[in-house]
Amino acid sequence: MVVAEPLTPLLGLKAAKHMQLITVNYDNLAQIHATHEFTEPTVLTDYPAVFDGGLGTLPGVVHLHVGDTIQPVSSRPRRIPITLEKEVSRELDNLVKQGVICQMAVTPSEYVLTRGL
């Protein structure tokens, strides 16, 4: 079925085929054969700037707009298993060094204070 509106399909190709809602006649499809083999080593050597081990950034500034009717939610911190504490601590330190996250003040937000923490 083809529609003019930009709608999100409820079922993907795999599910629709499994439910026998559609059949795909691959003989009628044109196939494109890649002239370049995309294996991990070739991709890493052909695109070194993308896979330099660091994080990339996109240009511009992103704003998150939240509706006025949306209520904030406060969740309790989740415990980290003792066996993972060192690994999690190292990863958090790494993310701070890369500028992905930053340490925040320990004081709760106004929302948490008004709920009687």
C-alpha atoms as a PDB file:
ATOM      1  CA  MET A   1       0.000   0.000   0.000  1.00  0.00           C
ATOM      2  CA  VAL A   2       1.366   3.429  -0.905  1.00  0.00           C
ATOM      3  CA  VAL A   3       0.131   6.548   0.850  1.00  0.00           C
ATOM      4  CA  ALA A   4       0.930  10.225   0.303  1.00  0.00           C
ATOM      5  CA  GLU A   5       1.365  11.056   4.001  1.00  0.00           C
ATOM      6  CA  PRO A   6       4.748  10.523   5.716  1.00  0.00           C
ATOM      7  CA  LEU A   7       3.499   7.845   8.116  1.00  0.00           C
ATOM      8  CA  THR A   8       5.522   5.358  10.153  1.00  0.00           C
ATOM      9  CA  PRO A   9       4.759   1.746   9.219  1.00  0.00           C
ATOM     10  CA  LEU A  10       3.441  -0.474  11.979  1.00  0.00           C
ATOM     11  CA  LEU A  11       5.100  -3.582  10.567  1.00  0.00           C
ATOM     12  CA  GLY A  12       8.500  -3.975   9.004  1.00  0.00           C
ATOM     13  CA  LEU A  13       9.284  -6.052   5.932  1.00  0.00           C
ATOM     14  CA  LYS A  14      10.373  -9.081   7.953  1.00  0.00           C
ATOM     15  CA  ALA A  15       7.187  -9.144  10.052  1.00  0.00           C
ATOM     16  CA  ALA A  16       4.912  -8.560   7.057  1.00  0.00           C
ATOM     17  CA  LYS A  17       6.591 -11.413   5.162  1.00  0.00           C
ATOM     18  CA  HIS A  18       6.401 -13.691   8.213  1.00  0.00           C
ATOM     19  CA  MET A  19       2.666 -12.979   8.571  1.00  0.00           C
ATOM     20  CA  GLN A  20       2.299 -13.665   4.828  1.00  0.00           C
ATOM     21  CA  LEU A  21       0.812 -10.213   4.271  1.00  0.00           C
ATOM     22  CA  ILE A  22       3.207  -9.571   1.402  1.00  0.00           C
ATOM     23  CA  THR A  23       5.474 -11.528  -0.856  1.00  0.00           C
ATOM     24  CA  VAL A  24       8.588 -10.157  -2.458  1.00  0.00           C
ATOM     25  CA  ASN A  25       9.453 -11.305  -5.950  1.00  0.00           C
ATOM     26  CA  TYR A  26      13.208 -10.766  -5.957  1.00  0.00           C
ATOM     27  CA  ASP A  27      13.396 -11.565  -9.675  1.00  0.00           C
ATOM     28  CA  ASN A  28      11.679  -8.241 -10.368  1.00  0.00           C
ATOM     29  CA  LEU A  29      14.141  -6.220  -8.280  1.00  0.00           C
ATOM     30  CA  ALA A  30      17.262  -4.672  -9.691  1.00  0.00           C
ATOM     31  CA  GLN A  31      20.339  -5.558  -7.703  1.00  0.00           C
ATOM     32  CA  ILE A  32      23.318  -3.326  -7.207  1.00  0.00           C
ATOM     33  CA  HIS A  33      26.617  -5.021  -6.677  1.00  0.00           C
ATOM     34  CA  ALA A  34      29.095  -3.148  -4.522  1.00  0.00           C
ATOM     35  CA  THR A  35      32.371  -2.392  -6.223  1.00  0.00           C
ATOM     36  CA  HIS A  36      34.058  -1.975  -2.864  1.00  0.00           C
ATOM     37  CA  GLU A  37      34.133  -4.598  -0.169  1.00  0.00           C
ATOM     38  CA  PHE A  38      33.011  -3.137   3.157  1.00  0.00           C
ATOM     39  CA  THR A  39      34.884  -5.100   5.774  1.00  0.00           C
ATOM     40  CA  GLU A  40      36.057  -3.743   9.083  1.00  0.00           C
ATOM     41  CA  PRO A  41      39.702  -3.293   8.005  1.00  0.00           C
ATOM     42  CA  THR A  42      38.805  -1.545   4.727  1.00  0.00           C
ATOM     43  CA  VAL A  43      36.297   0.780   6.376  1.00  0.00           C
ATOM     44  CA  LEU A  44      38.780   1.685   9.134  1.00  0.00           C
ATOM     45  CA  THR A  45      41.529   2.490   6.629  1.00  0.00           C
ATOM     46  CA  ASP A  46      39.255   4.289   4.121  1.00  0.00           C
ATOM     47  CA  TYR A  47      37.583   6.485   6.754  1.00  0.00           C
ATOM     48  CA  PRO A  48      40.180   7.089   9.486  1.00  0.00           C
ATOM     49  CA  ALA A  49      38.693  10.432  10.608  1.00  0.00           C
ATOM     50  CA  VAL A  50      35.442   8.741  11.532  1.00  0.00           C
ATOM     51  CA  PHE A  51      37.100   5.996  13.550  1.00  0.00           C
ATOM     52  CA  ASP A  52      39.869   7.838  15.351  1.00  0.00           C
ATOM     53  CA  GLY A  53      38.781   6.526  18.750  1.00  0.00           C
ATOM     54  CA  GLY A  54      37.309   9.805  19.958  1.00  0.00           C
ATOM     55  CA  LEU A  55      33.887  11.340  19.830  1.00  0.00           C
ATOM     56  CA  GLY A  56      32.706  13.510  17.003  1.00  0.00           C
ATOM     57  CA  THR A  57      30.410  16.492  17.128  1.00  0.00           C
ATOM     58  CA  LEU A  58      27.756  17.869  14.875  1.00  0.00           C
ATOM     59  CA  PRO A  59      27.648  21.551  13.955  1.00  0.00           C
ATOM     60  CA  GLY A  60      25.163  23.860  15.633  1.00  0.00           C
ATOM     61  CA  VAL A  61      23.381  23.906  18.950  1.00  0.00           C
ATOM     62  CA  VAL A  62      20.663  21.470  19.971  1.00  0.00           C
ATOM     63  CA  HIS A  63      17.753  22.563  22.134  1.00  0.00           C
ATOM     64  CA  LEU A  64      15.411  20.173  23.919  1.00  0.00           C
ATOM     65  CA  HIS A  65      11.917  21.639  24.063  1.00  0.00           C
ATOM     66  CA  VAL A  66       9.633  20.092  26.662  1.00  0.00           C
ATOM     67  CA  GLY A  67       5.915  20.875  26.809  1.00  0.00           C
ATOM     68  CA  ASP A  68       4.558  22.883  29.729  1.00  0.00           C
ATOM     69  CA  THR A  69       2.217  20.040  30.682  1.00  0.00           C
ATOM     70  CA  ILE A  70       5.034  17.489  31.064  1.00  0.00           C
ATOM     71  CA  GLN A  71       5.689  16.621  34.701  1.00  0.00           C
ATOM     72  CA  PRO A  72       9.321  16.018  35.730  1.00  0.00           C
ATOM     73  CA  VAL A  73      10.176  12.623  37.160  1.00  0.00           C
ATOM     74  CA  SER A  74      12.662  11.911  39.923  1.00  0.00           C
ATOM     75  CA  SER A  75      14.106   8.410  40.095  1.00  0.00           C
ATOM     76  CA  ARG A  76      16.226   6.928  42.837  1.00  0.00           C
ATOM     77  CA  PRO A  77      19.842   6.229  41.900  1.00  0.00           C
ATOM     78  CA  ARG A  78      20.427   2.641  40.874  1.00  0.00           C
ATOM     79  CA  ARG A  79      23.036   0.573  42.665  1.00  0.00           C
ATOM     80  CA  ILE A  80      26.048  -0.595  40.717  1.00  0.00           C
ATOM     81  CA  PRO A  81      27.231  -4.147  41.427  1.00  0.00           C
ATOM     82  CA  ILE A  82      30.463  -4.128  43.408  1.00  0.00           C
ATOM     83  CA  THR A  83      32.255  -6.087  40.686  1.00  0.00           C
ATOM     84  CA  LEU A  84      31.532  -3.284  38.173  1.00  0.00           C
ATOM     85  CA  GLU A  85      32.285  -0.247  40.358  1.00  0.00           C
ATOM     86  CA  LYS A  86      35.888   0.244  39.174  1.00  0.00           C
ATOM     87  CA  GLU A  87      34.978  -0.187  35.495  1.00  0.00           C
ATOM     88  CA  VAL A  88      32.037   2.221  35.782  1.00  0.00           C
ATOM     89  CA  SER A  89      34.200   4.737  37.643  1.00  0.00           C
ATOM     90  CA  ARG A  90      36.890   4.579  34.922  1.00  0.00           C
ATOM     91  CA  GLU A  91      34.297   5.044  32.183  1.00  0.00           C
ATOM     92  CA  LEU A  92      32.705   8.002  33.984  1.00  0.00           C
ATOM     93  CA  ASP A  93      36.142   9.603  34.386  1.00  0.00           C
ATOM     94  CA  ASN A  94      36.805   9.008  30.689  1.00  0.00           C
ATOM     95  CA  LEU A  95      33.480  10.633  29.720  1.00  0.00           C
ATOM     96  CA  VAL A  96      34.266  13.645  31.931  1.00  0.00           C
ATOM     97  CA  LYS A  97      37.705  14.043  30.285  1.00  0.00           C
ATOM     98  CA  GLN A  98      36.091  13.920  26.832  1.00  0.00           C
ATOM     99  CA  GLY A  99      33.542  16.563  27.821  1.00  0.00           C
ATOM    100  CA  VAL A 100      30.562  14.265  27.304  1.00  0.00           C
ATOM    101  CA  ILE A 101      29.340  14.633  30.879  1.00  0.00           C
ATOM    102  CA  CYS A 102      30.237  16.865  33.796  1.00  0.00           C
ATOM    103  CA  GLN A 103      29.950  16.472  37.515  1.00  0.00           C
ATOM    104  CA  MET A 104      26.959  18.293  38.924  1.00  0.00           C
ATOM    105  CA  ALA A 105      26.340  19.796  42.323  1.00  0.00           C
ATOM    106  CA  VAL A 106      25.021  17.342  44.883  1.00  0.00           C
ATOM    107  CA  THR A 107      22.089  19.558  45.845  1.00  0.00           C
ATOM    108  CA  PRO A 108      18.758  18.308  44.502  1.00  0.00           C
ATOM    109  CA  SER A 109      16.815  20.303  41.940  1.00  0.00           C
ATOM    110  CA  GLU A 110      13.910  22.541  42.920  1.00  0.00           C
ATOM    111  CA  TYR A 111      11.464  19.869  41.726  1.00  0.00           C
ATOM    112  CA  VAL A 112      12.922  17.245  44.053  1.00  0.00           C
ATOM    113  CA  LEU A 113      12.975  19.661  47.000  1.00  0.00           C
ATOM    114  CA  THR A 114       9.295  20.569  46.563  1.00  0.00           C
ATOM    115  CA  ARG A 115       8.345  16.868  46.585  1.00  0.00           C
ATOM    116  CA  GLY A 116       9.894  16.356  50.012  1.00  0.00           C
ATOM    117  CA  LEU A 117      13.040  14.390  49.313  1.00  0.00           C
END
